[in-house]
Amino acid sequence: MTGEGQNTYRHLSEILEIARNQASKKLVVAAAEDLHVLQAVLYAQTENIINPILIGDSDKILELCRKNELEPVDIPLIDEKDPEKSCELAIDLIRQGEASILMKGLVSTASLLKAVLDKDKGLRKNELLSHSAIFEVPSYHKLIAVTDAAMNVQPSLGEKTGIIENAVEMFHRIGVKEPKVGILGPIETVNPKIKSTVDARDLKAMNLSGRIKGC
């Protein structure tokens, strides 16, 4: 999927600039005892992109900061040494309106998703949760996103529709009005024996008929 329309972006730094020009968002990190996570959070804080809250093993978090000369100034730190419980606490903060962005720290994806998808206490927006990653490729003339490479193993046609709609919404939120979508498969033509190619044909037809919109 590539950005095309009102705004076309070549560099990830352009997305960063969008974030800088918006009001700071409250972000909560579950199991924040991870060096790269802490570095990213503190950088985003200095850029006035986020106001973070850290949840995790406070001893390990503070030790990482000390060893790597990081200064977590004015950042709330909630001590919770159990990674799964830290996920639950982070989601509780979002449900209470104390934060609006959830970030994964040193905890398995399975544990994080278990908390996110909890029917009573989770953050489920609709039936399908999908992952999108935006890449900057030096040899390509604009940013490209890959979806879904992390969560849905063998999606049905209906789930593929939801995956596309989620990714299109992501592009719309950064100002790309009509992103281009390409369905990946093992061959370039429709073969009835290869379900992914049949789904690709049907997804294109759904877009042309207006069932899949905005791309």
N, C-alpha and C. Protein backbone atom coordinates (compact mmCIF):
# COMPACT_ATOMS: atom_id res chain seq x y z
N MET A 1 0.85 -1.18 0.00
CA MET A 1 0.00 0.00 0.00
C MET A 1 0.89 1.23 0.00
N THR A 2 0.62 2.19 -0.86
CA THR A 2 1.45 3.38 -0.95
C THR A 2 0.60 4.64 -0.83
N GLY A 3 1.24 5.70 -0.34
CA GLY A 3 0.53 6.96 -0.19
C GLY A 3 0.39 7.68 -1.51
N GLU A 4 -0.81 8.06 -1.84
CA GLU A 4 -1.08 8.77 -3.08
C GLU A 4 -2.30 9.64 -2.88
N GLY A 5 -2.28 10.86 -3.35
CA GLY A 5 -3.45 11.71 -3.24
C GLY A 5 -3.05 13.12 -2.86
N GLN A 6 -3.79 13.71 -1.94
CA GLN A 6 -3.52 15.09 -1.56
C GLN A 6 -2.09 15.25 -1.06
N ASN A 7 -1.61 14.30 -0.25
CA ASN A 7 -0.25 14.32 0.24
C ASN A 7 0.44 13.02 -0.15
N THR A 8 1.65 13.13 -0.70
CA THR A 8 2.47 11.97 -0.98
C THR A 8 3.77 12.15 -0.22
N TYR A 9 4.12 11.17 0.60
CA TYR A 9 5.29 11.29 1.46
C TYR A 9 6.42 10.40 0.97
N ARG A 10 7.63 10.93 1.00
CA ARG A 10 8.82 10.17 0.60
C ARG A 10 9.60 9.70 1.83
N HIS A 11 9.58 10.49 2.89
CA HIS A 11 10.43 10.21 4.04
C HIS A 11 9.60 10.07 5.32
N LEU A 12 10.06 9.19 6.21
CA LEU A 12 9.40 9.04 7.50
C LEU A 12 9.48 10.32 8.32
N SER A 13 10.49 11.13 8.06
CA SER A 13 10.63 12.40 8.78
C SER A 13 9.43 13.31 8.53
N GLU A 14 8.75 13.14 7.39
CA GLU A 14 7.56 13.93 7.10
C GLU A 14 6.41 13.54 8.02
N ILE A 15 6.32 12.25 8.35
CA ILE A 15 5.31 11.79 9.29
C ILE A 15 5.62 12.34 10.68
N LEU A 16 6.89 12.37 11.00
CA LEU A 16 7.31 12.94 12.29
C LEU A 16 6.92 14.41 12.39
N GLU A 17 7.03 15.12 11.28
CA GLU A 17 6.67 16.54 11.28
C GLU A 17 5.18 16.72 11.51
N ILE A 18 4.37 15.83 10.95
CA ILE A 18 2.92 15.88 11.20
C ILE A 18 2.66 15.76 12.70
N ALA A 19 3.33 14.81 13.33
CA ALA A 19 3.14 14.59 14.77
C ALA A 19 3.57 15.81 15.57
N ARG A 20 4.66 16.45 15.15
CA ARG A 20 5.15 17.64 15.86
C ARG A 20 4.12 18.78 15.81
N ASN A 21 3.38 18.85 14.73
CA ASN A 21 2.45 19.96 14.53
C ASN A 21 1.08 19.71 15.14
N GLN A 22 0.91 18.57 15.80
CA GLN A 22 -0.34 18.28 16.47
C GLN A 22 -0.16 18.41 17.98
N ALA A 23 -1.27 18.50 18.68
CA ALA A 23 -1.19 18.56 20.14
C ALA A 23 -0.58 17.27 20.68
N SER A 24 0.21 17.39 21.74
CA SER A 24 0.85 16.23 22.34
C SER A 24 -0.19 15.22 22.80
N LYS A 25 0.11 13.95 22.58
CA LYS A 25 -0.78 12.87 22.99
C LYS A 25 -0.22 12.17 24.23
N LYS A 26 -1.12 11.68 25.07
CA LYS A 26 -0.70 10.93 26.24
C LYS A 26 -0.47 9.47 25.83
N LEU A 27 0.74 9.00 26.07
CA LEU A 27 1.13 7.64 25.68
C LEU A 27 1.49 6.85 26.92
N VAL A 28 1.06 5.60 26.98
CA VAL A 28 1.40 4.73 28.10
C VAL A 28 2.15 3.52 27.56
N VAL A 29 3.26 3.17 28.23
CA VAL A 29 4.09 2.03 27.83
C VAL A 29 3.87 0.89 28.81
N ALA A 30 3.53 -0.28 28.29
CA ALA A 30 3.39 -1.48 29.11
C ALA A 30 4.72 -2.22 29.14
N ALA A 31 5.21 -2.56 30.35
CA ALA A 31 6.50 -3.24 30.52
C ALA A 31 7.62 -2.41 29.89
N ALA A 32 7.83 -1.24 30.44
CA ALA A 32 8.73 -0.24 29.83
C ALA A 32 10.21 -0.49 30.06
N GLU A 33 10.59 -1.63 30.65
CA GLU A 33 11.99 -1.89 30.95
C GLU A 33 12.75 -2.40 29.72
N ASP A 34 12.76 -1.60 28.67
CA ASP A 34 13.42 -1.92 27.41
C ASP A 34 14.16 -0.66 26.93
N LEU A 35 15.44 -0.79 26.65
CA LEU A 35 16.26 0.37 26.33
C LEU A 35 15.76 1.11 25.09
N HIS A 36 15.51 0.39 24.00
CA HIS A 36 15.11 1.05 22.76
C HIS A 36 13.75 1.75 22.91
N VAL A 37 12.87 1.13 23.66
CA VAL A 37 11.57 1.75 23.92
C VAL A 37 11.76 3.04 24.71
N LEU A 38 12.58 2.99 25.75
CA LEU A 38 12.82 4.18 26.57
C LEU A 38 13.46 5.29 25.75
N GLN A 39 14.40 4.93 24.89
CA GLN A 39 15.05 5.95 24.05
C GLN A 39 14.03 6.60 23.11
N ALA A 40 13.17 5.79 22.52
CA ALA A 40 12.16 6.34 21.60
C ALA A 40 11.17 7.24 22.33
N VAL A 41 10.75 6.80 23.52
CA VAL A 41 9.77 7.57 24.30
C VAL A 41 10.37 8.91 24.73
N LEU A 42 11.60 8.88 25.20
CA LEU A 42 12.21 10.13 25.67
C LEU A 42 12.48 11.08 24.50
N TYR A 43 12.82 10.53 23.34
CA TYR A 43 13.00 11.38 22.16
C TYR A 43 11.68 12.04 21.78
N ALA A 44 10.60 11.25 21.74
CA ALA A 44 9.30 11.79 21.38
C ALA A 44 8.84 12.84 22.39
N GLN A 45 9.20 12.63 23.65
CA GLN A 45 8.84 13.61 24.67
C GLN A 45 9.57 14.93 24.44
N THR A 46 10.86 14.86 24.12
CA THR A 46 11.63 16.09 23.89
C THR A 46 11.14 16.84 22.66
N GLU A 47 10.52 16.11 21.73
CA GLU A 47 9.97 16.73 20.52
C GLU A 47 8.53 17.23 20.74
N ASN A 48 8.04 17.11 21.98
CA ASN A 48 6.68 17.53 22.34
C ASN A 48 5.60 16.79 21.55
N ILE A 49 5.89 15.53 21.21
CA ILE A 49 4.92 14.71 20.49
C ILE A 49 4.03 13.96 21.47
N ILE A 50 4.59 13.54 22.59
CA ILE A 50 3.84 12.77 23.57
C ILE A 50 4.12 13.24 24.99
N ASN A 51 3.19 12.90 25.88
CA ASN A 51 3.40 12.99 27.33
C ASN A 51 3.30 11.56 27.85
N PRO A 52 4.44 10.92 28.15
CA PRO A 52 4.42 9.49 28.44
C PRO A 52 4.15 9.13 29.90
N ILE A 53 3.66 7.91 30.05
CA ILE A 53 3.53 7.25 31.35
C ILE A 53 4.20 5.89 31.20
N LEU A 54 5.08 5.54 32.13
CA LEU A 54 5.79 4.27 32.07
C LEU A 54 5.23 3.32 33.12
N ILE A 55 4.95 2.09 32.69
CA ILE A 55 4.52 1.04 33.60
C ILE A 55 5.47 -0.14 33.44
N GLY A 56 5.99 -0.64 34.56
CA GLY A 56 6.91 -1.77 34.49
C GLY A 56 7.74 -1.90 35.75
N ASP A 57 8.81 -2.67 35.64
CA ASP A 57 9.73 -2.88 36.76
C ASP A 57 10.54 -1.61 36.97
N SER A 58 10.17 -0.84 37.97
CA SER A 58 10.79 0.48 38.16
C SER A 58 12.28 0.39 38.41
N ASP A 59 12.73 -0.66 39.12
CA ASP A 59 14.16 -0.81 39.38
C ASP A 59 14.93 -0.98 38.08
N LYS A 60 14.42 -1.83 37.18
CA LYS A 60 15.09 -2.05 35.89
C LYS A 60 15.02 -0.82 35.00
N ILE A 61 13.88 -0.15 35.02
CA ILE A 61 13.72 1.06 34.19
C ILE A 61 14.71 2.13 34.61
N LEU A 62 14.80 2.39 35.90
CA LEU A 62 15.70 3.42 36.40
C LEU A 62 17.16 3.04 36.20
N GLU A 63 17.47 1.74 36.31
CA GLU A 63 18.84 1.28 36.07
C GLU A 63 19.22 1.45 34.60
N LEU A 64 18.31 1.13 33.70
CA LEU A 64 18.58 1.34 32.27
C LEU A 64 18.82 2.82 31.97
N CYS A 65 18.01 3.66 32.57
CA CYS A 65 18.18 5.10 32.36
C CYS A 65 19.52 5.58 32.89
N ARG A 66 19.90 5.08 34.06
CA ARG A 66 21.18 5.50 34.67
C ARG A 66 22.36 5.05 33.82
N LYS A 67 22.36 3.79 33.39
CA LYS A 67 23.48 3.25 32.63
C LYS A 67 23.62 3.90 31.27
N ASN A 68 22.53 4.37 30.70
CA ASN A 68 22.56 4.92 29.35
C ASN A 68 22.37 6.44 29.31
N GLU A 69 22.50 7.05 30.47
CA GLU A 69 22.44 8.51 30.60
C GLU A 69 21.14 9.07 30.03
N LEU A 70 20.05 8.40 30.35
CA LEU A 70 18.73 8.88 29.96
C LEU A 70 18.12 9.60 31.15
N GLU A 71 17.39 10.66 30.88
CA GLU A 71 16.80 11.45 31.96
C GLU A 71 15.28 11.49 31.81
N PRO A 72 14.58 10.60 32.51
CA PRO A 72 13.11 10.59 32.44
C PRO A 72 12.49 11.69 33.30
N VAL A 73 12.56 12.91 32.81
CA VAL A 73 12.12 14.08 33.59
C VAL A 73 10.59 14.19 33.54
N ASP A 74 9.99 14.32 34.72
CA ASP A 74 8.54 14.55 34.84
C ASP A 74 7.71 13.46 34.14
N ILE A 75 8.19 12.23 34.17
CA ILE A 75 7.44 11.12 33.58
C ILE A 75 6.91 10.23 34.70
N PRO A 76 5.60 10.07 34.83
CA PRO A 76 5.05 9.18 35.84
C PRO A 76 5.55 7.75 35.62
N LEU A 77 5.92 7.08 36.71
CA LEU A 77 6.43 5.71 36.64
C LEU A 77 5.63 4.85 37.62
N ILE A 78 4.93 3.87 37.06
CA ILE A 78 4.12 2.96 37.87
C ILE A 78 4.84 1.62 37.97
N ASP A 79 5.16 1.22 39.19
CA ASP A 79 5.92 -0.02 39.39
C ASP A 79 5.00 -1.23 39.30
N GLU A 80 5.27 -2.08 38.30
CA GLU A 80 4.55 -3.35 38.15
C GLU A 80 5.49 -4.34 37.48
N LYS A 81 5.95 -5.31 38.25
CA LYS A 81 6.98 -6.22 37.76
C LYS A 81 6.43 -7.36 36.90
N ASP A 82 5.14 -7.57 36.91
CA ASP A 82 4.52 -8.61 36.09
C ASP A 82 4.13 -7.99 34.74
N PRO A 83 4.76 -8.43 33.64
CA PRO A 83 4.47 -7.83 32.32
C PRO A 83 3.00 -7.89 31.93
N GLU A 84 2.33 -9.01 32.21
CA GLU A 84 0.93 -9.12 31.83
C GLU A 84 0.06 -8.14 32.61
N LYS A 85 0.37 -7.97 33.89
CA LYS A 85 -0.39 -7.01 34.69
C LYS A 85 -0.11 -5.58 34.24
N SER A 86 1.12 -5.34 33.78
CA SER A 86 1.43 -3.99 33.28
C SER A 86 0.60 -3.67 32.05
N CYS A 87 0.33 -4.68 31.22
CA CYS A 87 -0.54 -4.48 30.05
C CYS A 87 -1.95 -4.10 30.50
N GLU A 88 -2.44 -4.81 31.50
CA GLU A 88 -3.80 -4.54 32.00
C GLU A 88 -3.88 -3.13 32.59
N LEU A 89 -2.85 -2.72 33.32
CA LEU A 89 -2.84 -1.37 33.90
C LEU A 89 -2.81 -0.31 32.81
N ALA A 90 -2.00 -0.55 31.78
CA ALA A 90 -1.89 0.41 30.68
C ALA A 90 -3.24 0.59 29.98
N ILE A 91 -3.92 -0.51 29.75
CA ILE A 91 -5.22 -0.44 29.09
C ILE A 91 -6.26 0.23 29.98
N ASP A 92 -6.18 -0.02 31.28
CA ASP A 92 -7.08 0.66 32.22
C ASP A 92 -6.93 2.18 32.11
N LEU A 93 -5.68 2.64 31.98
CA LEU A 93 -5.43 4.09 31.88
C LEU A 93 -6.07 4.66 30.61
N ILE A 94 -6.01 3.90 29.52
CA ILE A 94 -6.63 4.37 28.28
C ILE A 94 -8.14 4.38 28.41
N ARG A 95 -8.71 3.35 29.00
CA ARG A 95 -10.15 3.29 29.18
C ARG A 95 -10.64 4.43 30.08
N GLN A 96 -9.80 4.87 31.03
CA GLN A 96 -10.17 5.94 31.94
C GLN A 96 -9.91 7.32 31.35
N GLY A 97 -9.33 7.37 30.15
CA GLY A 97 -9.04 8.64 29.51
C GLY A 97 -7.75 9.28 29.95
N GLU A 98 -6.92 8.54 30.70
CA GLU A 98 -5.65 9.08 31.18
C GLU A 98 -4.56 8.98 30.13
N ALA A 99 -4.78 8.19 29.07
CA ALA A 99 -3.84 8.06 27.96
C ALA A 99 -4.63 7.70 26.72
N SER A 100 -4.04 7.94 25.55
CA SER A 100 -4.74 7.65 24.29
C SER A 100 -3.94 6.75 23.36
N ILE A 101 -2.67 6.49 23.67
CA ILE A 101 -1.83 5.65 22.83
C ILE A 101 -1.20 4.57 23.69
N LEU A 102 -1.26 3.32 23.23
CA LEU A 102 -0.65 2.19 23.92
C LEU A 102 0.61 1.78 23.19
N MET A 103 1.71 1.63 23.93
CA MET A 103 2.98 1.21 23.34
C MET A 103 3.47 -0.07 24.00
N LYS A 104 3.98 -0.98 23.20
CA LYS A 104 4.48 -2.27 23.68
C LYS A 104 5.93 -2.13 24.15
N GLY A 105 6.20 -2.60 25.35
CA GLY A 105 7.55 -2.64 25.87
C GLY A 105 8.09 -4.05 25.85
N LEU A 106 8.74 -4.47 26.95
CA LEU A 106 9.36 -5.78 27.03
C LEU A 106 8.33 -6.82 27.47
N VAL A 107 7.38 -7.08 26.59
CA VAL A 107 6.31 -8.04 26.84
C VAL A 107 5.94 -8.69 25.51
N SER A 108 5.52 -9.94 25.57
CA SER A 108 5.19 -10.63 24.33
C SER A 108 3.96 -10.02 23.66
N THR A 109 3.93 -10.13 22.35
CA THR A 109 2.77 -9.64 21.60
C THR A 109 1.50 -10.35 22.06
N ALA A 110 1.62 -11.65 22.34
CA ALA A 110 0.46 -12.43 22.77
C ALA A 110 -0.13 -11.87 24.06
N SER A 111 0.74 -11.52 25.01
CA SER A 111 0.26 -10.98 26.28
C SER A 111 -0.41 -9.63 26.10
N LEU A 112 0.18 -8.81 25.25
CA LEU A 112 -0.40 -7.49 24.99
C LEU A 112 -1.76 -7.61 24.33
N LEU A 113 -1.85 -8.47 23.32
CA LEU A 113 -3.11 -8.64 22.60
C LEU A 113 -4.19 -9.27 23.47
N LYS A 114 -3.78 -10.15 24.37
CA LYS A 114 -4.74 -10.76 25.28
C LYS A 114 -5.44 -9.67 26.10
N ALA A 115 -4.67 -8.69 26.56
CA ALA A 115 -5.26 -7.60 27.33
C ALA A 115 -6.07 -6.66 26.45
N VAL A 116 -5.56 -6.38 25.26
CA VAL A 116 -6.26 -5.48 24.34
C VAL A 116 -7.61 -6.05 23.92
N LEU A 117 -7.66 -7.37 23.71
CA LEU A 117 -8.86 -8.01 23.18
C LEU A 117 -9.81 -8.53 24.25
N ASP A 118 -9.49 -8.31 25.50
CA ASP A 118 -10.37 -8.76 26.57
C ASP A 118 -11.77 -8.16 26.36
N LYS A 119 -12.79 -9.01 26.36
CA LYS A 119 -14.15 -8.56 26.03
C LYS A 119 -14.70 -7.54 27.03
N ASP A 120 -14.28 -7.64 28.28
CA ASP A 120 -14.82 -6.75 29.32
C ASP A 120 -13.93 -5.54 29.59
N LYS A 121 -12.60 -5.73 29.52
CA LYS A 121 -11.68 -4.66 29.92
C LYS A 121 -10.74 -4.21 28.82
N GLY A 122 -10.93 -4.73 27.61
CA GLY A 122 -9.99 -4.43 26.54
C GLY A 122 -10.33 -3.19 25.74
N LEU A 123 -9.69 -3.07 24.58
CA LEU A 123 -9.83 -1.87 23.74
C LEU A 123 -10.39 -2.20 22.35
N ARG A 124 -11.03 -3.33 22.23
CA ARG A 124 -11.53 -3.76 20.93
C ARG A 124 -12.48 -2.72 20.34
N LYS A 125 -12.13 -2.23 19.14
CA LYS A 125 -12.97 -1.25 18.44
C LYS A 125 -13.97 -1.96 17.54
N ASN A 126 -13.51 -3.01 16.86
CA ASN A 126 -14.39 -3.81 16.02
C ASN A 126 -13.90 -5.25 16.05
N GLU A 127 -14.39 -6.05 15.16
CA GLU A 127 -14.08 -7.48 15.21
C GLU A 127 -12.66 -7.80 14.75
N LEU A 128 -12.03 -6.91 14.00
CA LEU A 128 -10.72 -7.22 13.42
C LEU A 128 -9.66 -6.24 13.90
N LEU A 129 -8.57 -6.78 14.39
CA LEU A 129 -7.40 -5.99 14.75
C LEU A 129 -6.30 -6.36 13.78
N SER A 130 -5.66 -5.38 13.17
CA SER A 130 -4.61 -5.68 12.19
C SER A 130 -3.40 -4.78 12.40
N HIS A 131 -2.30 -5.20 11.81
CA HIS A 131 -1.02 -4.50 11.97
C HIS A 131 -0.60 -3.87 10.65
N SER A 132 -0.07 -2.67 10.71
CA SER A 132 0.49 -2.02 9.53
C SER A 132 1.85 -1.43 9.88
N ALA A 133 2.79 -1.56 8.97
CA ALA A 133 4.13 -0.98 9.16
C ALA A 133 4.47 -0.12 7.95
N ILE A 134 4.92 1.10 8.20
CA ILE A 134 5.28 2.02 7.12
C ILE A 134 6.79 2.00 6.92
N PHE A 135 7.23 1.86 5.68
CA PHE A 135 8.65 1.77 5.35
C PHE A 135 9.07 2.91 4.43
N GLU A 136 10.29 3.36 4.63
CA GLU A 136 10.94 4.29 3.71
C GLU A 136 11.98 3.51 2.93
N VAL A 137 11.78 3.38 1.62
CA VAL A 137 12.68 2.59 0.78
C VAL A 137 13.47 3.56 -0.12
N PRO A 138 14.79 3.63 0.04
CA PRO A 138 15.58 4.61 -0.72
C PRO A 138 15.37 4.54 -2.24
N SER A 139 15.11 3.35 -2.78
CA SER A 139 14.97 3.19 -4.22
C SER A 139 13.55 3.42 -4.72
N TYR A 140 12.62 3.72 -3.79
CA TYR A 140 11.22 3.93 -4.18
C TYR A 140 10.83 5.37 -3.91
N HIS A 141 9.91 5.91 -4.71
CA HIS A 141 9.67 7.34 -4.70
C HIS A 141 8.68 7.82 -3.64
N LYS A 142 8.16 6.90 -2.81
CA LYS A 142 7.26 7.32 -1.73
C LYS A 142 7.23 6.23 -0.66
N LEU A 143 6.65 6.57 0.48
CA LEU A 143 6.52 5.61 1.57
C LEU A 143 5.59 4.47 1.15
N ILE A 144 5.83 3.30 1.74
CA ILE A 144 5.00 2.14 1.45
C ILE A 144 4.67 1.43 2.76
N ALA A 145 3.44 0.93 2.87
CA ALA A 145 3.02 0.23 4.08
C ALA A 145 2.74 -1.23 3.75
N VAL A 146 3.08 -2.11 4.67
CA VAL A 146 2.79 -3.53 4.53
C VAL A 146 1.78 -3.92 5.61
N THR A 147 0.72 -4.58 5.20
CA THR A 147 -0.32 -5.01 6.13
C THR A 147 -0.97 -6.28 5.60
N ASP A 148 -1.27 -7.30 6.35
CA ASP A 148 -0.96 -7.44 7.76
C ASP A 148 0.10 -8.52 7.86
N ALA A 149 1.25 -8.17 8.40
CA ALA A 149 2.38 -9.11 8.44
C ALA A 149 2.67 -9.64 9.83
N ALA A 150 1.75 -9.40 10.77
CA ALA A 150 2.09 -9.75 12.14
C ALA A 150 0.99 -10.40 12.95
N MET A 151 -0.26 -10.26 12.54
CA MET A 151 -1.34 -10.68 13.43
C MET A 151 -2.30 -11.70 12.83
N ASN A 152 -2.75 -11.48 11.62
CA ASN A 152 -3.75 -12.37 11.01
C ASN A 152 -3.06 -13.40 10.11
N VAL A 153 -3.10 -14.66 10.51
CA VAL A 153 -2.31 -15.70 9.85
C VAL A 153 -2.91 -16.13 8.51
N GLN A 154 -4.18 -16.51 8.51
CA GLN A 154 -4.85 -16.93 7.27
C GLN A 154 -6.20 -16.21 7.16
N PRO A 155 -6.16 -14.92 6.86
CA PRO A 155 -7.42 -14.15 6.84
C PRO A 155 -8.36 -14.56 5.73
N SER A 156 -9.63 -14.54 6.04
CA SER A 156 -10.67 -14.79 5.04
C SER A 156 -10.82 -13.56 4.15
N LEU A 157 -11.66 -13.66 3.15
CA LEU A 157 -11.90 -12.52 2.27
C LEU A 157 -12.47 -11.35 3.08
N GLY A 158 -13.41 -11.63 3.97
CA GLY A 158 -13.97 -10.56 4.79
C GLY A 158 -12.93 -9.94 5.69
N GLU A 159 -12.04 -10.75 6.24
CA GLU A 159 -10.98 -10.21 7.11
C GLU A 159 -9.97 -9.40 6.30
N LYS A 160 -9.69 -9.83 5.09
CA LYS A 160 -8.80 -9.05 4.22
C LYS A 160 -9.40 -7.68 3.92
N THR A 161 -10.71 -7.66 3.75
CA THR A 161 -11.40 -6.37 3.55
C THR A 161 -11.18 -5.46 4.75
N GLY A 162 -11.34 -6.02 5.96
CA GLY A 162 -11.13 -5.24 7.17
C GLY A 162 -9.69 -4.77 7.31
N ILE A 163 -8.74 -5.61 6.93
CA ILE A 163 -7.32 -5.25 6.99
C ILE A 163 -7.05 -4.05 6.08
N ILE A 164 -7.60 -4.10 4.86
CA ILE A 164 -7.43 -2.97 3.93
C ILE A 164 -8.06 -1.70 4.50
N GLU A 165 -9.27 -1.82 5.03
CA GLU A 165 -9.97 -0.65 5.56
C GLU A 165 -9.20 -0.03 6.73
N ASN A 166 -8.62 -0.86 7.58
CA ASN A 166 -7.82 -0.33 8.69
C ASN A 166 -6.61 0.44 8.19
N ALA A 167 -5.92 -0.13 7.20
CA ALA A 167 -4.73 0.52 6.66
C ALA A 167 -5.08 1.80 5.91
N VAL A 168 -6.19 1.79 5.18
CA VAL A 168 -6.63 2.99 4.47
C VAL A 168 -6.94 4.11 5.47
N GLU A 169 -7.59 3.75 6.57
CA GLU A 169 -7.89 4.74 7.61
C GLU A 169 -6.60 5.34 8.16
N MET A 170 -5.57 4.51 8.34
CA MET A 170 -4.28 5.01 8.82
C MET A 170 -3.72 6.06 7.87
N PHE A 171 -3.77 5.78 6.56
CA PHE A 171 -3.26 6.75 5.58
C PHE A 171 -4.12 8.01 5.57
N HIS A 172 -5.42 7.86 5.67
CA HIS A 172 -6.29 9.04 5.71
C HIS A 172 -5.93 9.94 6.88
N ARG A 173 -5.56 9.36 8.01
CA ARG A 173 -5.24 10.14 9.20
C ARG A 173 -3.97 10.98 9.05
N ILE A 174 -3.11 10.60 8.11
CA ILE A 174 -1.90 11.41 7.88
C ILE A 174 -2.04 12.26 6.61
N GLY A 175 -3.26 12.35 6.09
CA GLY A 175 -3.52 13.27 5.00
C GLY A 175 -3.46 12.69 3.60
N VAL A 176 -3.28 11.38 3.48
CA VAL A 176 -3.30 10.75 2.15
C VAL A 176 -4.73 10.35 1.85
N LYS A 177 -5.35 11.03 0.89
CA LYS A 177 -6.78 10.88 0.65
C LYS A 177 -7.14 9.62 -0.12
N GLU A 178 -6.26 9.14 -0.98
CA GLU A 178 -6.58 7.98 -1.79
C GLU A 178 -5.34 7.11 -1.99
N PRO A 179 -4.94 6.37 -0.96
CA PRO A 179 -3.77 5.49 -1.10
C PRO A 179 -4.01 4.39 -2.12
N LYS A 180 -2.95 3.94 -2.75
CA LYS A 180 -3.03 2.84 -3.70
C LYS A 180 -2.79 1.53 -2.96
N VAL A 181 -3.61 0.54 -3.26
CA VAL A 181 -3.53 -0.76 -2.58
C VAL A 181 -3.15 -1.83 -3.59
N GLY A 182 -2.15 -2.63 -3.24
CA GLY A 182 -1.75 -3.78 -4.06
C GLY A 182 -1.89 -5.05 -3.24
N ILE A 183 -2.56 -6.05 -3.79
CA ILE A 183 -2.74 -7.32 -3.09
C ILE A 183 -1.60 -8.27 -3.50
N LEU A 184 -0.84 -8.73 -2.53
CA LEU A 184 0.31 -9.59 -2.83
C LEU A 184 -0.12 -11.05 -2.96
N GLY A 185 0.46 -11.74 -3.93
CA GLY A 185 0.18 -13.16 -4.14
C GLY A 185 1.35 -13.81 -4.85
N PRO A 186 1.31 -15.14 -5.02
CA PRO A 186 2.45 -15.85 -5.62
C PRO A 186 2.56 -15.70 -7.13
N ILE A 187 1.46 -15.34 -7.80
CA ILE A 187 1.49 -15.14 -9.25
C ILE A 187 0.69 -13.89 -9.60
N GLU A 188 0.80 -13.44 -10.82
CA GLU A 188 0.18 -12.17 -11.23
C GLU A 188 -1.18 -12.33 -11.89
N THR A 189 -1.64 -13.56 -12.05
CA THR A 189 -2.94 -13.79 -12.68
C THR A 189 -3.83 -14.60 -11.74
N VAL A 190 -5.13 -14.59 -12.03
CA VAL A 190 -6.08 -15.31 -11.19
C VAL A 190 -6.04 -16.80 -11.54
N ASN A 191 -5.82 -17.62 -10.53
CA ASN A 191 -5.84 -19.07 -10.69
C ASN A 191 -6.82 -19.63 -9.67
N PRO A 192 -7.90 -20.27 -10.12
CA PRO A 192 -8.92 -20.78 -9.20
C PRO A 192 -8.36 -21.71 -8.13
N LYS A 193 -7.20 -22.32 -8.39
CA LYS A 193 -6.61 -23.24 -7.42
C LYS A 193 -5.81 -22.51 -6.34
N ILE A 194 -5.59 -21.21 -6.55
CA ILE A 194 -4.82 -20.43 -5.57
C ILE A 194 -5.75 -19.37 -4.97
N LYS A 195 -6.19 -19.63 -3.76
CA LYS A 195 -7.23 -18.80 -3.15
C LYS A 195 -6.83 -17.32 -3.07
N SER A 196 -5.56 -17.04 -2.80
CA SER A 196 -5.14 -15.64 -2.64
C SER A 196 -5.35 -14.85 -3.92
N THR A 197 -5.21 -15.50 -5.07
CA THR A 197 -5.42 -14.77 -6.33
C THR A 197 -6.90 -14.52 -6.57
N VAL A 198 -7.75 -15.47 -6.18
CA VAL A 198 -9.20 -15.29 -6.30
C VAL A 198 -9.65 -14.16 -5.38
N ASP A 199 -9.10 -14.15 -4.14
CA ASP A 199 -9.44 -13.07 -3.21
C ASP A 199 -8.99 -11.72 -3.75
N ALA A 200 -7.82 -11.69 -4.38
CA ALA A 200 -7.32 -10.43 -4.95
C ALA A 200 -8.28 -9.90 -6.01
N ARG A 201 -8.77 -10.80 -6.86
CA ARG A 201 -9.76 -10.40 -7.88
C ARG A 201 -11.02 -9.85 -7.23
N ASP A 202 -11.49 -10.54 -6.19
CA ASP A 202 -12.73 -10.11 -5.53
C ASP A 202 -12.55 -8.79 -4.79
N LEU A 203 -11.39 -8.60 -4.19
CA LEU A 203 -11.12 -7.34 -3.48
C LEU A 203 -11.09 -6.17 -4.47
N LYS A 204 -10.51 -6.39 -5.63
CA LYS A 204 -10.50 -5.33 -6.64
C LYS A 204 -11.93 -5.00 -7.08
N ALA A 205 -12.74 -6.03 -7.26
CA ALA A 205 -14.14 -5.82 -7.66
C ALA A 205 -14.90 -5.06 -6.58
N MET A 206 -14.63 -5.36 -5.32
CA MET A 206 -15.28 -4.66 -4.22
C MET A 206 -14.89 -3.19 -4.19
N ASN A 207 -13.65 -2.90 -4.54
CA ASN A 207 -13.21 -1.50 -4.61
C ASN A 207 -13.90 -0.78 -5.76
N LEU A 208 -13.98 -1.41 -6.90
CA LEU A 208 -14.60 -0.79 -8.08
C LEU A 208 -16.10 -0.57 -7.87
N SER A 209 -16.73 -1.43 -7.08
CA SER A 209 -18.17 -1.29 -6.82
C SER A 209 -18.48 -0.33 -5.68
N GLY A 210 -17.42 0.15 -4.99
CA GLY A 210 -17.64 1.08 -3.89
C GLY A 210 -17.76 0.42 -2.53
N ARG A 211 -17.60 -0.90 -2.47
CA ARG A 211 -17.67 -1.59 -1.17
C ARG A 211 -16.44 -1.28 -0.33
N ILE A 212 -15.27 -1.24 -0.95
CA ILE A 212 -14.04 -0.80 -0.28
C ILE A 212 -13.75 0.61 -0.77
N LYS A 213 -13.82 1.57 0.11
CA LYS A 213 -13.77 2.97 -0.28
C LYS A 213 -12.46 3.64 0.13
N GLY A 214 -12.23 4.80 -0.46
CA GLY A 214 -11.13 5.66 -0.01
C GLY A 214 -9.76 5.27 -0.49
N CYS A 215 -9.71 4.38 -1.47
CA CYS A 215 -8.39 3.94 -1.97
C CYS A 215 -8.53 3.56 -3.43
